[in-house]
Protein backbone atom coordinates (compact mmCIF):
# COMPACT_ATOMS: atom_id res chain seq x y z
CA MET A 1 5.60 -13.08 11.36
CA ALA A 2 2.33 -11.15 11.45
CA ASP A 3 0.24 -10.90 8.34
CA ALA A 4 0.20 -7.53 6.66
CA PRO A 5 -3.16 -5.78 6.99
CA ASP A 6 -5.33 -5.68 3.88
CA ARG A 7 -4.65 -2.49 2.02
CA GLN A 8 -7.57 -0.59 0.64
CA PRO A 9 -7.53 0.77 -2.91
CA GLY A 10 -5.63 4.02 -3.10
CA GLY A 11 -3.20 3.30 -0.27
CA SER A 12 -1.76 5.83 2.14
CA THR A 13 -1.39 9.48 1.23
CA ARG A 14 0.91 10.43 4.11
CA GLY A 15 3.77 10.93 1.68
CA HIS A 16 1.67 13.29 -0.42
CA TRP A 17 0.70 15.40 2.59
CA ALA A 18 4.33 15.49 3.78
CA LEU A 19 5.30 16.77 0.34
CA VAL A 20 2.62 19.48 0.61
CA TYR A 21 4.11 20.63 3.93
CA LEU A 22 7.62 20.60 2.49
CA LEU A 23 6.49 22.67 -0.49
CA LEU A 24 4.78 25.26 1.71
CA ALA A 25 7.54 25.54 4.32
CA PRO A 26 9.99 27.67 2.27
CA ALA A 27 7.21 30.12 1.39
CA LEU A 28 6.69 30.69 5.11
CA VAL A 29 10.24 30.45 6.45
CA VAL A 30 12.43 32.25 3.89
CA PRO A 31 10.67 35.65 4.17
CA LEU A 32 11.25 35.50 7.93
CA LEU A 33 15.02 35.20 7.42
CA VAL A 34 15.54 38.91 6.80
CA PRO A 35 19.37 38.85 7.24
CA ILE A 36 19.53 36.81 4.02
CA TYR A 37 18.25 39.71 1.91
CA ASP A 38 18.94 42.79 4.07
CA ARG A 39 21.31 44.52 1.62
CA THR A 40 21.19 46.76 -1.41
CA ASP A 41 23.67 45.06 -3.76
CA PRO A 42 23.29 43.62 -6.37
CA GLU A 43 20.80 45.86 -8.08
CA LEU A 44 18.44 44.70 -10.82
CA PHE A 45 17.06 47.36 -13.19
CA GLY A 46 17.91 49.98 -10.57
CA PHE A 47 16.06 48.19 -7.77
CA PRO A 48 18.04 47.26 -4.65
CA PHE A 49 18.39 43.56 -3.83
CA PHE A 50 16.00 43.91 -0.88
CA PHE A 51 13.07 44.83 -3.17
CA TRP A 52 13.62 42.55 -6.13
CA PHE A 53 14.41 39.55 -3.93
CA GLN A 54 11.10 40.00 -2.11
CA PHE A 55 9.33 40.14 -5.45
CA ALA A 56 11.13 36.95 -6.48
CA LEU A 57 9.97 35.40 -3.19
CA ILE A 58 6.38 36.21 -4.10
CA LEU A 59 6.74 34.48 -7.47
CA GLY A 60 8.50 31.51 -5.89
CA ALA A 61 5.89 31.20 -3.15
CA ALA A 62 3.12 31.31 -5.75
CA ALA A 63 4.78 28.52 -7.76
CA LEU A 64 5.26 26.41 -4.62
CA THR A 65 1.67 27.01 -3.53
CA ILE A 66 0.28 26.00 -6.92
CA THR A 67 2.36 22.83 -6.85
CA ALA A 68 1.27 22.08 -3.26
CA TYR A 69 -2.36 22.62 -4.28
CA ALA A 70 -2.04 20.11 -7.12
CA VAL A 71 -0.46 17.51 -4.84
CA ALA A 72 -3.06 18.15 -2.11
CA SER A 73 -5.93 17.84 -4.59
CA ARG A 74 -4.64 14.50 -5.78
CA ALA A 75 -4.09 13.27 -2.20
CA ASP A 76 -7.57 14.45 -1.18
CA ALA A 77 -9.18 12.63 -4.11
CA GLN A 78 -7.25 9.48 -3.18
CA ASP A 79 -8.33 9.81 0.48
CA ARG A 80 -11.98 10.22 -0.57
CA ALA A 81 -11.79 7.17 -2.83
CA THR A 82 -10.27 5.13 0.00
CA ARG A 83 -13.00 6.19 2.44
CA ARG A 84 -15.67 5.45 -0.16
CA ALA A 85 -14.20 1.98 -0.80
CA ARG A 86 -14.13 1.24 2.95
CA ARG A 87 -17.70 2.42 3.36
CA ASP A 88 -18.88 0.33 0.41
CA ALA A 89 -16.96 -2.71 1.66
CA GLY A 90 -18.63 -2.32 5.06
CA ARG A 91 -22.06 -2.19 3.46
CA ASP A 92 -21.34 -5.27 1.35
CA ALA A 93 -20.05 -7.19 4.40
CA GLY A 94 -23.20 -6.28 6.33
CA ARG A 95 -25.46 -7.60 3.58
CA GLY A 96 -23.71 -10.92 3.32
CA ALA A 97 -23.85 -11.66 7.07
CA GLY A 98 -27.41 -12.81 7.14
CA GLY A 99 -30.65 -12.52 5.30
CA SER A 100 -31.56 -9.81 2.90
CA GLY A 101 -29.50 -7.09 4.55
CA ARG A 102 -32.51 -4.86 5.15
């Protein structure tokens, strides 16, 4: 059995980025599905369903976008830390190979 590759601190963030895409997808897809909300009933405070549902979509999309931003920020910070650790490990390995490293 092959040895598992050494994992750098921070690990993979693929799952985080997949979650970001999943959070943003409904904000893009649902407004395009007009037959879902192309009707007047039920009304809310005198507004037809078509109008208040679109307003609810705006609020929902904003909430999903804020959540996606938080996840993306965390994943980006983790990616930067991983790259920094790899870069520093490469520098340390180069110094130890021979001489003073200069």
